[in-house]
Protein backbone atom coordinates (compact mmCIF):
# COMPACT_ATOMS: atom_id res chain seq x y z
CA UNK A 1 -12.11 51.04 -56.80
CA UNK A 2 -13.77 51.58 -53.45
CA UNK A 3 -17.23 50.07 -52.92
CA UNK A 4 -20.07 51.48 -50.82
CA UNK A 5 -22.80 48.98 -50.03
CA UNK A 6 -26.30 50.20 -49.21
CA UNK A 7 -29.90 49.00 -49.20
CA UNK A 8 -31.20 48.56 -52.72
CA UNK A 9 -33.78 51.15 -53.74
CA UNK A 10 -36.47 50.64 -56.38
CA UNK A 11 -34.49 52.76 -58.88
CA UNK A 12 -31.43 50.54 -58.36
CA UNK A 13 -33.49 47.41 -58.94
CA UNK A 14 -34.83 48.83 -62.20
CA UNK A 15 -31.30 49.59 -63.42
CA UNK A 16 -29.98 46.15 -62.44
CA UNK A 17 -32.93 44.40 -64.10
CA UNK A 18 -32.00 46.13 -67.37
CA UNK A 19 -28.35 45.00 -67.34
CA UNK A 20 -27.30 42.81 -70.26
CA UNK A 21 -24.06 40.83 -70.32
CA UNK A 22 -22.30 39.90 -73.57
CA UNK A 23 -22.04 36.49 -75.22
CA UNK A 24 -22.37 33.40 -73.00
CA UNK A 25 -22.45 35.67 -69.94
CA UNK A 26 -25.96 36.79 -70.99
CA UNK A 27 -26.96 33.84 -68.83
CA UNK A 28 -26.36 36.20 -65.86
CA UNK A 29 -28.74 38.95 -67.02
CA UNK A 30 -30.62 39.79 -63.80
CA UNK A 31 -33.91 40.59 -65.52
CA UNK A 32 -33.94 37.69 -67.99
CA UNK A 33 -35.62 35.22 -65.63
CA UNK A 34 -39.23 36.10 -64.79
CA UNK A 35 -39.05 34.82 -61.20
CA UNK A 36 -35.71 36.49 -60.53
CA UNK A 37 -36.91 39.74 -62.07
CA UNK A 38 -40.04 39.70 -59.94
CA UNK A 39 -38.02 39.11 -56.75
CA UNK A 40 -35.62 41.89 -57.69
CA UNK A 41 -38.30 44.47 -58.55
CA UNK A 42 -40.73 43.78 -55.68
CA UNK A 43 -39.57 45.67 -52.57
CA UNK A 44 -41.31 43.18 -50.25
CA UNK A 45 -39.75 40.16 -51.97
CA UNK A 46 -36.38 41.94 -52.13
CA UNK A 47 -36.44 42.61 -48.38
CA UNK A 48 -32.92 42.69 -46.99
CA UNK A 49 -31.64 40.14 -49.53
CA UNK A 50 -30.53 42.62 -52.23
CA UNK A 51 -27.93 45.34 -51.72
CA UNK A 52 -26.73 48.02 -54.14
CA UNK A 53 -23.06 48.85 -54.57
CA UNK A 54 -21.82 52.32 -55.52
CA UNK A 55 -18.34 53.56 -56.29
CA UNK A 56 -17.72 57.30 -56.32
CA UNK A 57 -18.64 59.05 -59.54
CA UNK A 58 -19.24 55.69 -61.27
CA UNK A 59 -22.56 55.41 -59.44
CA UNK A 60 -24.20 52.00 -59.23
CA UNK A 61 -21.50 49.44 -60.06
CA UNK A 62 -23.02 46.22 -58.81
CA UNK A 63 -25.23 44.36 -56.40
CA UNK A 64 -25.16 41.52 -53.92
CA UNK A 65 -27.93 39.23 -52.80
CA UNK A 66 -27.72 37.09 -49.69
CA UNK A 67 -29.79 34.11 -48.56
CA UNK A 68 -29.42 32.56 -45.13
CA UNK A 69 -29.54 28.80 -44.64
CA UNK A 70 -28.84 28.06 -40.99
CA UNK A 71 -25.19 29.09 -40.48
CA UNK A 72 -24.51 29.26 -44.21
CA UNK A 73 -24.90 32.40 -46.27
CA UNK A 74 -25.40 32.00 -50.00
CA UNK A 75 -24.02 34.91 -51.96
CA UNK A 76 -24.98 36.02 -55.45
CA UNK A 77 -23.39 39.07 -56.99
CA UNK A 78 -23.30 41.06 -60.16
CA UNK A 79 -20.89 43.67 -61.40
CA UNK A 80 -22.24 46.15 -63.95
CA UNK A 81 -21.66 44.60 -67.41
CA UNK A 82 -19.30 47.31 -68.68
CA UNK A 83 -17.05 46.75 -65.63
CA UNK A 84 -16.60 42.99 -66.03
CA UNK A 85 -13.33 41.63 -67.35
CA UNK A 86 -11.30 44.56 -65.97
CA UNK A 87 -9.82 42.87 -62.89
CA UNK A 88 -12.40 44.17 -60.40
CA UNK A 89 -13.94 40.80 -59.50
CA UNK A 90 -11.63 39.93 -56.60
CA UNK A 91 -12.05 43.28 -54.86
CA UNK A 92 -15.80 43.25 -55.50
CA UNK A 93 -16.19 39.75 -54.03
CA UNK A 94 -13.97 40.63 -51.04
CA UNK A 95 -16.07 43.71 -50.29
CA UNK A 96 -19.23 41.59 -50.36
CA UNK A 97 -17.71 38.97 -48.05
CA UNK A 98 -16.60 41.64 -45.56
CA UNK A 99 -20.05 43.23 -45.60
CA UNK A 100 -21.81 39.88 -45.24
CA UNK A 101 -19.54 38.79 -42.38
CA UNK A 102 -20.34 41.97 -40.44
CA UNK A 103 -24.02 42.16 -41.34
CA UNK A 104 -25.12 38.51 -41.21
CA UNK A 105 -22.45 36.77 -39.06
CA UNK A 106 -22.46 33.50 -41.04
CA UNK A 107 -20.27 30.50 -40.28
CA UNK A 108 -19.76 29.62 -43.94
CA UNK A 109 -20.13 31.31 -47.33
CA UNK A 110 -21.62 29.49 -50.32
CA UNK A 111 -21.58 30.52 -53.98
CA UNK A 112 -23.06 28.57 -56.89
CA UNK A 113 -21.12 29.22 -60.08
CA UNK A 114 -22.14 28.09 -63.56
CA UNK A 115 -19.58 25.47 -64.56
CA UNK A 116 -18.89 27.24 -67.87
CA UNK A 117 -17.97 30.50 -66.10
CA UNK A 118 -14.20 29.99 -65.69
CA UNK A 119 -13.71 33.65 -64.81
CA UNK A 120 -16.12 33.46 -61.83
CA UNK A 121 -14.65 30.14 -60.69
CA UNK A 122 -11.13 31.60 -60.72
CA UNK A 123 -12.20 34.69 -58.74
CA UNK A 124 -13.94 32.48 -56.19
CA UNK A 125 -10.93 30.17 -55.87
CA UNK A 126 -8.63 33.14 -55.29
CA UNK A 127 -11.00 34.30 -52.53
CA UNK A 128 -10.53 30.97 -50.75
CA UNK A 129 -13.59 29.10 -51.98
CA UNK A 130 -13.22 25.36 -52.50
CA UNK A 131 -15.02 23.15 -55.00
CA UNK A 132 -17.95 21.09 -53.83
CA UNK A 133 -20.74 19.23 -55.56
CA UNK A 134 -22.03 19.92 -59.04
CA UNK A 135 -25.77 20.24 -59.42
CA UNK A 136 -28.05 20.75 -62.39
CA UNK A 137 -30.57 23.52 -61.91
CA UNK A 138 -33.22 24.98 -64.14
CA UNK A 139 -32.51 28.57 -65.10
CA UNK A 140 -33.62 30.72 -68.00
CA UNK A 141 -35.77 27.93 -69.42
CA UNK A 142 -33.05 25.29 -69.63
CA UNK A 143 -30.88 23.08 -67.43
CA UNK A 144 -27.44 24.32 -66.34
CA UNK A 145 -24.65 22.82 -64.29
CA UNK A 146 -23.60 24.76 -61.21
CA UNK A 147 -20.57 24.22 -59.01
CA UNK A 148 -21.10 24.75 -55.31
CA UNK A 149 -18.13 26.56 -53.80
CA UNK A 150 -17.73 27.14 -50.07
CA UNK A 151 -15.37 28.74 -47.60
CA UNK A 152 -15.41 29.53 -43.90
CA UNK A 153 -16.66 32.98 -43.02
């Protein structure tokens, strides 16, 4: 699958906010958290942090969000729920890293992965990310453990 990354429009944000992932992955539902939903749906808050991803006739297949922290670039991403678990994660992550490298020129990439999400950890490891600290963060009204993973840009 080939990915085309573009600025996220309001219509894209509405679609992404409605995505629902199955089972324990429902934790990743973009619109489930009030603060996250507000940031996604407000064009001013969204700024240049959120990017839509299309693929041919499949239309909107995912999104990336990027946050700069000095030379680091934190990456969050989401593949459309019906496309997860089909072996697209590595190519999707690689496309996001290539885009981010060209667009933001970071020195290091950072992803925070929920410790229960073995699939996301494996994809990140295969992309060259290394394990770092584990941190508990509030999300979706409860506390979750997240693994910081980093790699040079």
